[in-house]
Protein backbone atom coordinates (compact mmCIF):
# COMPACT_ATOMS: atom_id res chain seq x y z
CA UNK A 1 -69.36 169.51 5.99
CA UNK A 2 -70.91 171.76 2.56
CA UNK A 3 -74.28 173.37 3.52
CA UNK A 4 -76.99 174.34 1.47
CA UNK A 5 -80.35 175.17 1.97
CA UNK A 6 -83.55 177.70 0.12
CA UNK A 7 -82.80 180.20 2.23
CA UNK A 8 -81.18 182.00 4.44
CA UNK A 9 -83.31 182.11 7.49
CA UNK A 10 -83.30 177.99 6.93
CA UNK A 11 -79.35 178.36 6.73
CA UNK A 12 -78.81 180.65 9.99
CA UNK A 13 -80.60 177.87 12.28
CA UNK A 14 -79.49 174.99 10.43
CA UNK A 15 -75.81 175.91 11.88
CA UNK A 16 -77.03 177.52 15.40
CA UNK A 17 -74.31 176.81 17.38
CA UNK A 18 -71.75 174.83 14.91
CA UNK A 19 -68.33 176.15 16.07
CA UNK A 20 -66.90 174.71 12.95
CA UNK A 21 -68.43 177.26 10.60
CA UNK A 22 -68.05 181.15 10.88
CA UNK A 23 -70.40 183.46 9.27
CA UNK A 24 -68.92 185.31 6.41
CA UNK A 25 -70.37 189.22 8.40
CA UNK A 26 -68.28 188.04 11.20
CA UNK A 27 -65.42 186.60 9.16
CA UNK A 28 -65.03 189.57 6.71
CA UNK A 29 -64.52 191.70 9.61
CA UNK A 30 -61.14 190.68 10.83
CA UNK A 31 -58.88 192.91 10.62
CA UNK A 32 -56.09 192.72 7.28
CA UNK A 33 -58.62 190.02 6.01
CA UNK A 34 -59.02 189.70 2.03
CA UNK A 35 -61.48 187.60 -0.43
CA UNK A 36 -59.29 185.44 -2.06
CA UNK A 37 -59.64 184.04 -6.06
CA UNK A 38 -62.15 180.56 -5.92
CA UNK A 39 -60.98 177.65 -3.59
CA UNK A 40 -60.61 175.51 -6.70
CA UNK A 41 -58.27 178.11 -7.85
CA UNK A 42 -56.12 178.54 -4.78
CA UNK A 43 -55.52 174.58 -3.96
CA UNK A 44 -54.40 174.38 -7.56
CA UNK A 45 -52.03 177.14 -6.93
CA UNK A 46 -50.70 174.83 -4.02
CA UNK A 47 -51.37 171.60 -3.90
CA UNK A 48 -48.83 170.70 -1.41
CA UNK A 49 -50.83 172.80 0.93
CA UNK A 50 -54.82 172.02 0.27
CA UNK A 51 -54.78 168.42 -2.15
CA UNK A 52 -56.34 167.25 0.92
CA UNK A 53 -59.21 169.13 0.48
CA UNK A 54 -62.46 168.05 -1.51
CA UNK A 55 -64.45 170.76 -3.11
CA UNK A 56 -67.69 170.44 -4.25
CA UNK A 57 -69.36 172.88 -7.09
CA UNK A 58 -72.80 171.49 -6.27
CA UNK A 59 -73.56 171.96 -2.82
CA UNK A 60 -76.80 171.08 -3.04
CA UNK A 61 -76.25 167.37 -4.76
CA UNK A 62 -76.49 164.54 -2.62
CA UNK A 63 -73.14 163.73 -1.16
CA UNK A 64 -72.67 167.46 -0.76
CA UNK A 65 -71.67 167.49 2.95
CA UNK A 66 -69.13 164.63 2.76
CA UNK A 67 -67.45 167.50 0.81
CA UNK A 68 -65.20 170.62 2.83
CA UNK A 69 -66.49 173.21 0.70
CA UNK A 70 -67.80 174.71 -2.48
CA UNK A 71 -64.49 174.81 -5.07
CA UNK A 72 -66.55 177.44 -7.49
CA UNK A 73 -66.91 180.04 -4.41
CA UNK A 74 -64.38 182.75 -3.23
CA UNK A 75 -61.42 182.52 -0.63
CA UNK A 76 -61.12 184.54 2.92
CA UNK A 77 -57.22 184.88 3.28
CA UNK A 78 -56.40 186.67 6.91
CA UNK A 79 -53.29 187.94 7.33
CA UNK A 80 -53.68 189.25 10.92
CA UNK A 81 -50.83 187.38 12.33
CA UNK A 82 -52.14 187.59 15.82
CA UNK A 83 -55.77 186.78 14.98
CA UNK A 84 -56.92 182.72 15.66
CA UNK A 85 -58.69 182.89 12.85
CA UNK A 86 -55.45 183.39 10.52
CA UNK A 87 -55.62 181.42 7.49
CA UNK A 88 -57.31 180.67 4.58
CA UNK A 89 -61.44 180.09 4.50
CA UNK A 90 -63.42 178.68 1.44
CA UNK A 91 -67.72 178.53 2.37
CA UNK A 92 -69.02 175.15 2.87
CA UNK A 93 -72.26 176.33 3.49
CA UNK A 94 -74.99 178.44 1.80
CA UNK A 95 -78.49 178.85 -0.21
CA UNK A 96 -80.31 179.33 -3.00
CA UNK A 97 -81.27 182.95 -2.30
CA UNK A 98 -77.53 183.60 -0.95
CA UNK A 99 -76.46 182.70 -4.28
CA UNK A 100 -78.56 184.84 -6.63
CA UNK A 101 -78.07 187.55 -4.32
CA UNK A 102 -74.74 187.52 -5.28
CA UNK A 103 -75.04 187.38 -8.06
CA UNK A 104 -77.54 190.02 -9.36
CA UNK A 105 -74.77 192.08 -7.09
CA UNK A 106 -71.56 191.15 -8.74
CA UNK A 107 -70.39 190.22 -4.88
CA UNK A 108 -66.27 189.63 -4.94
CA UNK A 109 -68.06 186.71 -2.23
CA UNK A 110 -71.09 185.89 -1.33
CA UNK A 111 -72.88 185.20 1.94
CA UNK A 112 -72.81 182.20 3.69
CA UNK A 113 -70.27 179.58 6.36
CA UNK A 114 -66.55 179.98 6.07
CA UNK A 115 -64.63 176.76 6.89
CA UNK A 116 -60.95 177.17 7.73
CA UNK A 117 -58.73 174.91 5.14
CA UNK A 118 -55.60 175.86 6.96
CA UNK A 119 -53.97 178.15 8.96
CA UNK A 120 -50.51 177.99 7.05
CA UNK A 121 -50.18 181.27 5.21
CA UNK A 122 -48.21 180.56 1.66
CA UNK A 123 -45.04 182.63 1.36
CA UNK A 124 -45.19 185.95 0.14
CA UNK A 125 -42.97 185.34 -3.13
CA UNK A 126 -44.92 182.07 -3.76
CA UNK A 127 -48.19 184.00 -3.87
CA UNK A 128 -47.02 186.46 -6.21
CA UNK A 129 -45.56 184.06 -8.43
CA UNK A 130 -48.57 182.10 -8.59
CA UNK A 131 -50.98 185.00 -10.44
CA UNK A 132 -53.27 184.36 -7.92
CA UNK A 133 -55.40 187.70 -7.51
CA UNK A 134 -56.45 189.73 -4.62
CA UNK A 135 -57.36 193.17 -3.79
CA UNK A 136 -56.01 196.59 -3.47
CA UNK A 137 -53.54 196.68 -0.06
CA UNK A 138 -53.45 192.60 -0.45
CA UNK A 139 -49.02 192.77 -0.50
CA UNK A 140 -49.07 194.97 1.61
CA UNK A 141 -51.03 194.02 5.17
CA UNK A 142 -49.00 190.69 4.16
CA UNK A 143 -45.90 192.19 4.77
CA UNK A 144 -46.67 194.03 7.59
CA UNK A 145 -47.69 191.21 9.57
CA UNK A 146 -45.04 188.82 8.31
CA UNK A 147 -41.63 191.38 8.30
CA UNK A 148 -39.73 188.58 8.16
CA UNK A 149 -40.95 187.90 4.12
CA UNK A 150 -40.40 191.03 3.69
CA UNK A 151 -37.17 191.32 1.13
CA UNK A 152 -37.57 193.94 -0.67
CA UNK A 153 -34.91 196.09 -1.74
CA UNK A 154 -35.22 199.23 1.35
CA UNK A 155 -34.39 202.88 0.73
CA UNK A 156 -31.32 203.93 3.13
CA UNK A 157 -31.79 204.77 6.46
CA UNK A 158 -31.63 208.43 6.96
CA UNK A 159 -28.05 209.76 7.19
CA UNK A 160 -28.29 211.42 10.36
CA UNK A 161 -27.65 215.52 10.51
CA UNK A 162 -24.13 216.65 11.32
CA UNK A 163 -22.71 219.88 12.26
CA UNK A 164 -20.09 220.52 9.59
CA UNK A 165 -17.04 222.38 10.15
CA UNK A 166 -15.82 224.44 7.42
CA UNK A 167 -11.87 223.78 6.75
CA UNK A 168 -10.16 226.43 3.79
CA UNK A 169 -6.94 225.48 1.98
CA UNK A 170 -5.55 228.38 0.07
CA UNK A 171 -2.61 230.52 -0.92
CA UNK A 172 -0.74 233.80 0.72
CA UNK A 173 1.18 235.55 -0.88
CA UNK A 174 2.81 239.63 -0.19
CA UNK A 175 -0.05 239.77 2.93
CA UNK A 176 -2.85 238.36 -0.32
CA UNK A 177 -4.58 235.50 -0.58
CA UNK A 178 -3.79 233.45 -4.35
CA UNK A 179 -6.17 230.74 -5.70
CA UNK A 180 -4.04 227.51 -4.67
CA UNK A 181 -3.57 226.70 -8.32
CA UNK A 182 -1.62 229.82 -8.50
CA UNK A 183 0.60 229.30 -5.99
CA UNK A 184 1.03 224.75 -6.23
CA UNK A 185 1.40 223.28 -9.09
CA UNK A 186 1.94 219.49 -8.68
CA UNK A 187 5.31 217.29 -9.77
CA UNK A 188 4.70 213.93 -9.54
CA UNK A 189 2.79 211.88 -6.85
CA UNK A 190 2.56 213.48 -3.11
CA UNK A 191 5.70 216.10 -4.65
CA UNK A 192 4.48 219.94 -5.71
CA UNK A 193 6.56 222.92 -6.46
CA UNK A 194 5.57 226.11 -4.25
CA UNK A 195 5.71 229.72 -5.52
CA UNK A 196 8.25 231.66 -4.58
CA UNK A 197 7.07 234.33 -2.04
CA UNK A 198 4.41 231.51 -1.49
CA UNK A 199 2.73 230.50 1.53
CA UNK A 200 -0.42 227.35 1.70
CA UNK A 201 -2.27 228.10 4.61
CA UNK A 202 -5.21 226.07 6.11
CA UNK A 203 -8.30 228.55 7.54
CA UNK A 204 -10.71 227.71 9.63
CA UNK A 205 -12.94 231.07 10.31
CA UNK A 206 -15.12 233.68 7.62
CA UNK A 207 -12.52 236.22 7.67
CA UNK A 208 -10.10 232.99 6.31
CA UNK A 209 -8.93 233.57 2.55
CA UNK A 210 -12.17 233.49 0.23
CA UNK A 211 -13.96 233.16 3.35
CA UNK A 212 -15.12 229.48 2.86
CA UNK A 213 -14.62 227.81 6.41
CA UNK A 214 -16.56 228.53 9.21
CA UNK A 215 -18.16 226.79 11.71
CA UNK A 216 -21.15 225.04 11.30
CA UNK A 217 -23.77 226.95 10.20
CA UNK A 218 -20.93 229.91 9.08
CA UNK A 219 -18.61 227.71 6.64
CA UNK A 220 -19.89 227.33 2.92
CA UNK A 221 -20.00 223.48 2.88
CA UNK A 222 -23.59 223.62 2.67
CA UNK A 223 -24.02 225.87 0.14
CA UNK A 224 -21.78 224.26 -1.82
CA UNK A 225 -22.37 220.92 -1.05
CA UNK A 226 -26.13 220.48 0.22
CA UNK A 227 -27.43 217.53 0.99
CA UNK A 228 -23.44 216.15 0.89
CA UNK A 229 -21.49 214.77 4.12
CA UNK A 230 -17.99 215.27 4.16
CA UNK A 231 -16.90 211.82 4.77
CA UNK A 232 -18.39 211.36 0.68
CA UNK A 233 -15.79 212.24 0.31
CA UNK A 234 -13.58 210.69 2.79
CA UNK A 235 -13.18 213.37 5.53
CA UNK A 236 -14.49 213.22 8.58
CA UNK A 237 -18.45 213.61 9.13
CA UNK A 238 -18.41 216.71 10.62
CA UNK A 239 -15.23 218.35 9.21
CA UNK A 240 -14.91 219.59 5.23
CA UNK A 241 -12.17 220.75 3.25
CA UNK A 242 -12.52 223.67 1.09
CA UNK A 243 -10.39 225.57 -1.50
CA UNK A 244 -11.66 228.28 -3.54
CA UNK A 245 -11.39 228.00 -8.05
CA UNK A 246 -11.73 231.04 -8.59
CA UNK A 247 -15.94 230.87 -9.12
CA UNK A 248 -17.09 228.16 -6.32
CA UNK A 249 -16.11 225.98 -4.06
CA UNK A 250 -14.51 222.86 -4.42
CA UNK A 251 -13.84 220.15 -1.83
CA UNK A 252 -10.39 218.84 -1.18
CA UNK A 253 -11.19 215.10 -0.53
CA UNK A 254 -8.89 212.29 1.66
CA UNK A 255 -6.75 211.43 -1.22
CA UNK A 256 -5.83 215.06 -2.59
CA UNK A 257 -4.82 215.52 1.11
CA UNK A 258 -2.94 212.51 1.46
CA UNK A 259 -0.52 213.30 -1.59
CA UNK A 260 -0.55 217.03 -0.44
CA UNK A 261 1.02 216.36 3.31
CA UNK A 262 1.05 212.23 3.96
CA UNK A 263 -1.06 209.49 4.69
CA UNK A 264 -0.48 209.48 7.62
CA UNK A 265 -0.98 212.61 9.61
CA UNK A 266 -2.88 214.63 7.16
CA UNK A 267 -5.66 214.45 9.26
CA UNK A 268 -3.28 216.56 12.04
CA UNK A 269 -1.39 218.37 9.79
CA UNK A 270 -5.14 219.54 7.99
CA UNK A 271 -7.14 219.76 11.26
CA UNK A 272 -4.66 220.84 13.71
């Protein structure tokens, strides 16, 4: 099947009507098609796939027409999963004129006619492990056409934006808001001592306590925990709980609230 002529005109005339051959211009215009390594290099990398292929480096020699393709020339890889041309192609017919032009231009491929060696593409993990070199964009195009083989770590999906209502826990003594730590002392697991004359208050309005609470857009959750979800702290994704420490709002996470109220009904106590 390997053909060799002196010039491109003779080559076109010799192969007119031979449907098994596709010229480089048409093949190279296929979407997601890339020039690959020499055919002999590809066969060495994937002998299980291409061991049957007979390659010659002297297409002009007597008997070369009994070989499938020219091993010294580069291949084409058609990655388009929906194309009938999908697979690996090798140069099978060319001319002395095309060889000279490619050498002078240092072209990645040589003009001529290609045949399909296989319509089976090696798995991308095997291609990457083989060390075969392709032009820029090959790997991304492979994954795009064969997403089932894309086992690269995926970035986490963006978390949906949930409007957050902010609740504030604070102390009250003599009609004035106090820091929670000023009126409440931890004595042990689930055991707290409240200062004489003090109360614990849960506010949800911007005028309560130290002005941390409020509906979404008003409460101060995003001011102190931008980009964070209350769910990161074991709370409901739309309900945050803060206390004032004298300088900033500090989250009261689910573990603290369970210890302060009870593991079973802390949500009822806090959110009503």
